[in-house]
Amino acid sequence: MDDEYLERALNFIRDKASEYADAKATRIHLWEFRKSKKALLMRNAELAGYKTAAAQEREAYADDEYVELLEGLKVAVEKEEVLRYQMKAAELKLDVWRSKEASQRAEKKRYGA
Protein backbone atom coordinates (compact mmCIF):
# COMPACT_ATOMS: atom_id res chain seq x y z
CA MET A 1 0.00 0.00 0.00
CA ASP A 2 1.69 3.19 -1.13
CA ASP A 3 1.56 6.69 0.35
CA GLU A 4 -0.80 7.91 -2.38
CA TYR A 5 -3.35 5.23 -1.45
CA LEU A 6 -3.11 6.20 2.21
CA GLU A 7 -3.36 9.90 1.36
CA ARG A 8 -6.52 9.30 -0.71
CA ALA A 9 -8.21 7.52 2.19
CA LEU A 10 -7.30 10.30 4.62
CA ASN A 11 -8.44 12.99 2.18
CA PHE A 12 -11.72 11.20 1.61
CA ILE A 13 -12.49 11.15 5.33
CA ARG A 14 -11.52 14.80 5.69
CA ASP A 15 -13.51 15.88 2.64
CA LYS A 16 -16.64 13.92 3.53
CA ALA A 17 -16.76 14.68 7.26
CA SER A 18 -18.75 17.89 6.80
CA GLU A 19 -21.12 16.29 4.30
CA TYR A 20 -21.71 13.38 6.67
CA ALA A 21 -22.35 15.73 9.59
CA ASP A 22 -24.85 17.68 7.50
CA ALA A 23 -26.63 14.50 6.41
CA LYS A 24 -26.85 13.29 10.00
CA ALA A 25 -28.14 16.66 11.22
CA THR A 26 -30.81 16.64 8.51
CA ARG A 27 -31.90 13.13 9.42
CA ILE A 28 -32.15 13.95 13.11
CA HIS A 29 -34.00 17.19 12.40
CA LEU A 30 -36.57 15.43 10.24
CA TRP A 31 -36.93 12.62 12.78
CA GLU A 32 -37.73 15.11 15.52
CA PHE A 33 -39.85 17.36 13.29
CA ARG A 34 -42.18 14.50 12.43
CA LYS A 35 -43.46 14.65 16.03
CA SER A 36 -44.29 18.35 15.67
CA LYS A 37 -45.87 17.75 12.29
CA LYS A 38 -48.03 14.98 13.70
CA ALA A 39 -49.18 17.26 16.54
CA LEU A 40 -50.04 20.06 14.10
CA LEU A 41 -51.95 17.70 11.84
CA MET A 42 -53.80 16.21 14.79
CA ARG A 43 -54.84 19.72 15.86
CA ASN A 44 -56.08 20.40 12.33
CA ALA A 45 -58.05 17.14 12.46
CA GLU A 46 -59.59 18.19 15.75
CA LEU A 47 -60.62 21.50 14.23
CA ALA A 48 -62.11 19.56 11.32
CA GLY A 49 -64.37 17.70 13.74
CA TYR A 50 -62.44 14.55 14.65
CA LYS A 51 -62.97 14.29 18.39
CA THR A 52 -60.97 11.25 19.50
CA ALA A 53 -57.19 11.11 19.64
CA ALA A 54 -57.25 7.91 17.59
CA ALA A 55 -59.20 9.58 14.79
CA GLN A 56 -56.94 12.63 14.89
CA GLU A 57 -53.85 10.43 14.75
CA ARG A 58 -55.27 8.45 11.83
CA GLU A 59 -55.92 11.67 9.92
CA ALA A 60 -52.46 12.99 10.73
CA TYR A 61 -50.72 9.84 9.50
CA ALA A 62 -52.81 9.82 6.33
CA ASP A 63 -52.13 13.46 5.51
CA ASP A 64 -50.10 14.12 2.35
CA GLU A 65 -47.76 16.46 4.24
CA TYR A 66 -46.89 13.73 6.74
CA VAL A 67 -46.30 11.19 3.99
CA GLU A 68 -44.07 13.73 2.21
CA LEU A 69 -42.12 14.27 5.43
CA LEU A 70 -41.55 10.52 5.71
CA GLU A 71 -40.24 10.43 2.14
CA GLY A 72 -37.81 13.22 3.01
CA LEU A 73 -36.72 11.28 6.08
CA LYS A 74 -36.14 8.21 3.92
CA VAL A 75 -33.88 10.19 1.58
CA ALA A 76 -31.99 11.72 4.52
CA VAL A 77 -31.38 8.32 6.14
CA GLU A 78 -30.17 6.87 2.85
CA LYS A 79 -27.72 9.74 2.29
CA GLU A 80 -26.40 9.48 5.84
CA GLU A 81 -25.94 5.72 5.61
CA VAL A 82 -24.13 5.87 2.25
CA LEU A 83 -21.70 8.44 3.62
CA ARG A 84 -21.27 6.49 6.87
CA TYR A 85 -20.31 3.31 5.05
CA GLN A 86 -18.03 5.15 2.63
CA MET A 87 -16.20 6.67 5.57
CA LYS A 88 -16.12 3.31 7.32
CA ALA A 89 -14.51 1.78 4.21
CA ALA A 90 -11.86 4.51 4.19
CA GLU A 91 -11.19 3.88 7.90
CA LEU A 92 -10.83 0.16 7.23
CA LYS A 93 -8.25 0.92 4.53
CA LEU A 94 -6.29 2.86 7.13
CA ASP A 95 -6.60 -0.03 9.59
CA VAL A 96 -5.27 -2.46 6.98
CA TRP A 97 -2.35 -0.13 6.31
CA ARG A 98 -1.66 0.16 10.05
CA SER A 99 -1.69 -3.63 10.44
CA LYS A 100 0.67 -4.14 7.51
CA GLU A 101 3.06 -1.55 8.89
CA ALA A 102 3.03 -3.23 12.31
CA SER A 103 3.66 -6.61 10.70
CA GLN A 104 6.58 -5.23 8.71
CA ARG A 105 8.11 -3.66 11.83
CA ALA A 106 7.74 -6.93 13.74
CA GLU A 107 9.31 -8.88 10.89
CA LYS A 108 12.25 -6.49 10.66
CA LYS A 109 12.77 -6.69 14.39
CA ARG A 110 12.58 -10.48 14.36
CA TYR A 111 15.21 -10.80 11.63
CA GLY A 112 17.39 -7.98 12.88
CA ALA A 113 16.93 -5.70 9.90
C-alpha atoms as a PDB file:
ATOM      1  CA  MET A   1       0.000   0.000   0.000  1.00  0.00           C
ATOM      2  CA  ASP A   2       1.693   3.192  -1.127  1.00  0.00           C
ATOM      3  CA  ASP A   3       1.562   6.689   0.348  1.00  0.00           C
ATOM      4  CA  GLU A   4      -0.796   7.906  -2.381  1.00  0.00           C
ATOM      5  CA  TYR A   5      -3.346   5.233  -1.447  1.00  0.00           C
ATOM      6  CA  LEU A   6      -3.107   6.205   2.213  1.00  0.00           C
ATOM      7  CA  GLU A   7      -3.356   9.895   1.363  1.00  0.00           C
ATOM      8  CA  ARG A   8      -6.515   9.304  -0.712  1.00  0.00           C
ATOM      9  CA  ALA A   9      -8.210   7.515   2.194  1.00  0.00           C
ATOM     10  CA  LEU A  10      -7.303  10.304   4.620  1.00  0.00           C
ATOM     11  CA  ASN A  11      -8.437  12.986   2.181  1.00  0.00           C
ATOM     12  CA  PHE A  12     -11.722  11.197   1.606  1.00  0.00           C
ATOM     13  CA  ILE A  13     -12.491  11.146   5.327  1.00  0.00           C
ATOM     14  CA  ARG A  14     -11.520  14.796   5.694  1.00  0.00           C
ATOM     15  CA  ASP A  15     -13.508  15.883   2.636  1.00  0.00           C
ATOM     16  CA  LYS A  16     -16.642  13.917   3.530  1.00  0.00           C
ATOM     17  CA  ALA A  17     -16.760  14.684   7.264  1.00  0.00           C
ATOM     18  CA  SER A  18     -18.753  17.885   6.802  1.00  0.00           C
ATOM     19  CA  GLU A  19     -21.123  16.290   4.305  1.00  0.00           C
ATOM     20  CA  TYR A  20     -21.708  13.382   6.671  1.00  0.00           C
ATOM     21  CA  ALA A  21     -22.354  15.726   9.591  1.00  0.00           C
ATOM     22  CA  ASP A  22     -24.849  17.680   7.496  1.00  0.00           C
ATOM     23  CA  ALA A  23     -26.629  14.498   6.410  1.00  0.00           C
ATOM     24  CA  LYS A  24     -26.852  13.292   9.999  1.00  0.00           C
ATOM     25  CA  ALA A  25     -28.142  16.657  11.215  1.00  0.00           C
ATOM     26  CA  THR A  26     -30.806  16.644   8.511  1.00  0.00           C
ATOM     27  CA  ARG A  27     -31.896  13.134   9.417  1.00  0.00           C
ATOM     28  CA  ILE A  28     -32.151  13.947  13.110  1.00  0.00           C
ATOM     29  CA  HIS A  29     -33.997  17.187  12.404  1.00  0.00           C
ATOM     30  CA  LEU A  30     -36.573  15.429  10.238  1.00  0.00           C
ATOM     31  CA  TRP A  31     -36.925  12.615  12.779  1.00  0.00           C
ATOM     32  CA  GLU A  32     -37.731  15.108  15.518  1.00  0.00           C
ATOM     33  CA  PHE A  33     -39.850  17.357  13.291  1.00  0.00           C
ATOM     34  CA  ARG A  34     -42.180  14.501  12.429  1.00  0.00           C
ATOM     35  CA  LYS A  35     -43.457  14.652  16.025  1.00  0.00           C
ATOM     36  CA  SER A  36     -44.286  18.348  15.674  1.00  0.00           C
ATOM     37  CA  LYS A  37     -45.867  17.748  12.295  1.00  0.00           C
ATOM     38  CA  LYS A  38     -48.031  14.980  13.702  1.00  0.00           C
ATOM     39  CA  ALA A  39     -49.181  17.258  16.537  1.00  0.00           C
ATOM     40  CA  LEU A  40     -50.041  20.064  14.100  1.00  0.00           C
ATOM     41  CA  LEU A  41     -51.946  17.700  11.843  1.00  0.00           C
ATOM     42  CA  MET A  42     -53.801  16.207  14.795  1.00  0.00           C
ATOM     43  CA  ARG A  43     -54.836  19.719  15.865  1.00  0.00           C
ATOM     44  CA  ASN A  44     -56.083  20.396  12.326  1.00  0.00           C
ATOM     45  CA  ALA A  45     -58.052  17.145  12.460  1.00  0.00           C
ATOM     46  CA  GLU A  46     -59.586  18.193  15.746  1.00  0.00           C
ATOM     47  CA  LEU A  47     -60.622  21.503  14.232  1.00  0.00           C
ATOM     48  CA  ALA A  48     -62.112  19.559  11.322  1.00  0.00           C
ATOM     49  CA  GLY A  49     -64.367  17.696  13.743  1.00  0.00           C
ATOM     50  CA  TYR A  50     -62.438  14.548  14.645  1.00  0.00           C
ATOM     51  CA  LYS A  51     -62.970  14.288  18.393  1.00  0.00           C
ATOM     52  CA  THR A  52     -60.969  11.246  19.499  1.00  0.00           C
ATOM     53  CA  ALA A  53     -57.193  11.115  19.640  1.00  0.00           C
ATOM     54  CA  ALA A  54     -57.252   7.914  17.585  1.00  0.00           C
ATOM     55  CA  ALA A  55     -59.204   9.584  14.790  1.00  0.00           C
ATOM     56  CA  GLN A  56     -56.944  12.627  14.888  1.00  0.00           C
ATOM     57  CA  GLU A  57     -53.854  10.432  14.754  1.00  0.00           C
ATOM     58  CA  ARG A  58     -55.268   8.446  11.827  1.00  0.00           C
ATOM     59  CA  GLU A  59     -55.922  11.670   9.917  1.00  0.00           C
ATOM     60  CA  ALA A  60     -52.457  12.993  10.729  1.00  0.00           C
ATOM     61  CA  TYR A  61     -50.721   9.835   9.501  1.00  0.00           C
ATOM     62  CA  ALA A  62     -52.806   9.815   6.332  1.00  0.00           C
ATOM     63  CA  ASP A  63     -52.130  13.463   5.514  1.00  0.00           C
ATOM     64  CA  ASP A  64     -50.098  14.117   2.354  1.00  0.00           C
ATOM     65  CA  GLU A  65     -47.755  16.459   4.235  1.00  0.00           C
ATOM     66  CA  TYR A  66     -46.892  13.733   6.743  1.00  0.00           C
ATOM     67  CA  VAL A  67     -46.301  11.190   3.990  1.00  0.00           C
ATOM     68  CA  GLU A  68     -44.065  13.733   2.212  1.00  0.00           C
ATOM     69  CA  LEU A  69     -42.116  14.273   5.431  1.00  0.00           C
ATOM     70  CA  LEU A  70     -41.546  10.522   5.715  1.00  0.00           C
ATOM     71  CA  GLU A  71     -40.240  10.426   2.138  1.00  0.00           C
ATOM     72  CA  GLY A  72     -37.812  13.217   3.013  1.00  0.00           C
ATOM     73  CA  LEU A  73     -36.724  11.280   6.083  1.00  0.00           C
ATOM     74  CA  LYS A  74     -36.138   8.207   3.918  1.00  0.00           C
ATOM     75  CA  VAL A  75     -33.876  10.193   1.577  1.00  0.00           C
ATOM     76  CA  ALA A  76     -31.993  11.719   4.519  1.00  0.00           C
ATOM     77  CA  VAL A  77     -31.378   8.322   6.136  1.00  0.00           C
ATOM     78  CA  GLU A  78     -30.174   6.872   2.847  1.00  0.00           C
ATOM     79  CA  LYS A  79     -27.719   9.740   2.288  1.00  0.00           C
ATOM     80  CA  GLU A  80     -26.399   9.478   5.840  1.00  0.00           C
ATOM     81  CA  GLU A  81     -25.938   5.716   5.605  1.00  0.00           C
ATOM     82  CA  VAL A  82     -24.133   5.871   2.251  1.00  0.00           C
ATOM     83  CA  LEU A  83     -21.703   8.440   3.623  1.00  0.00           C
ATOM     84  CA  ARG A  84     -21.268   6.494   6.871  1.00  0.00           C
ATOM     85  CA  TYR A  85     -20.308   3.313   5.051  1.00  0.00           C
ATOM     86  CA  GLN A  86     -18.033   5.149   2.633  1.00  0.00           C
ATOM     87  CA  MET A  87     -16.202   6.672   5.574  1.00  0.00           C
ATOM     88  CA  LYS A  88     -16.118   3.306   7.321  1.00  0.00           C
ATOM     89  CA  ALA A  89     -14.514   1.785   4.214  1.00  0.00           C
ATOM     90  CA  ALA A  90     -11.864   4.508   4.191  1.00  0.00           C
ATOM     91  CA  GLU A  91     -11.194   3.881   7.905  1.00  0.00           C
ATOM     92  CA  LEU A  92     -10.828   0.158   7.228  1.00  0.00           C
ATOM     93  CA  LYS A  93      -8.246   0.925   4.532  1.00  0.00           C
ATOM     94  CA  LEU A  94      -6.287   2.862   7.130  1.00  0.00           C
ATOM     95  CA  ASP A  95      -6.596  -0.033   9.587  1.00  0.00           C
ATOM     96  CA  VAL A  96      -5.272  -2.460   6.976  1.00  0.00           C
ATOM     97  CA  TRP A  97      -2.347  -0.134   6.306  1.00  0.00           C
ATOM     98  CA  ARG A  98      -1.661   0.159  10.054  1.00  0.00           C
ATOM     99  CA  SER A  99      -1.691  -3.629  10.443  1.00  0.00           C
ATOM    100  CA  LYS A 100       0.667  -4.142   7.513  1.00  0.00           C
ATOM    101  CA  GLU A 101       3.062  -1.551   8.895  1.00  0.00           C
ATOM    102  CA  ALA A 102       3.035  -3.225  12.308  1.00  0.00           C
ATOM    103  CA  SER A 103       3.663  -6.611  10.700  1.00  0.00           C
ATOM    104  CA  GLN A 104       6.584  -5.231   8.708  1.00  0.00           C
ATOM    105  CA  ARG A 105       8.109  -3.660  11.828  1.00  0.00           C
ATOM    106  CA  ALA A 106       7.742  -6.931  13.740  1.00  0.00           C
ATOM    107  CA  GLU A 107       9.309  -8.879  10.886  1.00  0.00           C
ATOM    108  CA  LYS A 108      12.253  -6.493  10.656  1.00  0.00           C
ATOM    109  CA  LYS A 109      12.769  -6.693  14.391  1.00  0.00           C
ATOM    110  CA  ARG A 110      12.582 -10.478  14.357  1.00  0.00           C
ATOM    111  CA  TYR A 111      15.209 -10.803  11.629  1.00  0.00           C
ATOM    112  CA  GLY A 112      17.395  -7.984  12.881  1.00  0.00           C
ATOM    113  CA  ALA A 113      16.934  -5.704   9.900  1.00  0.00           C
END
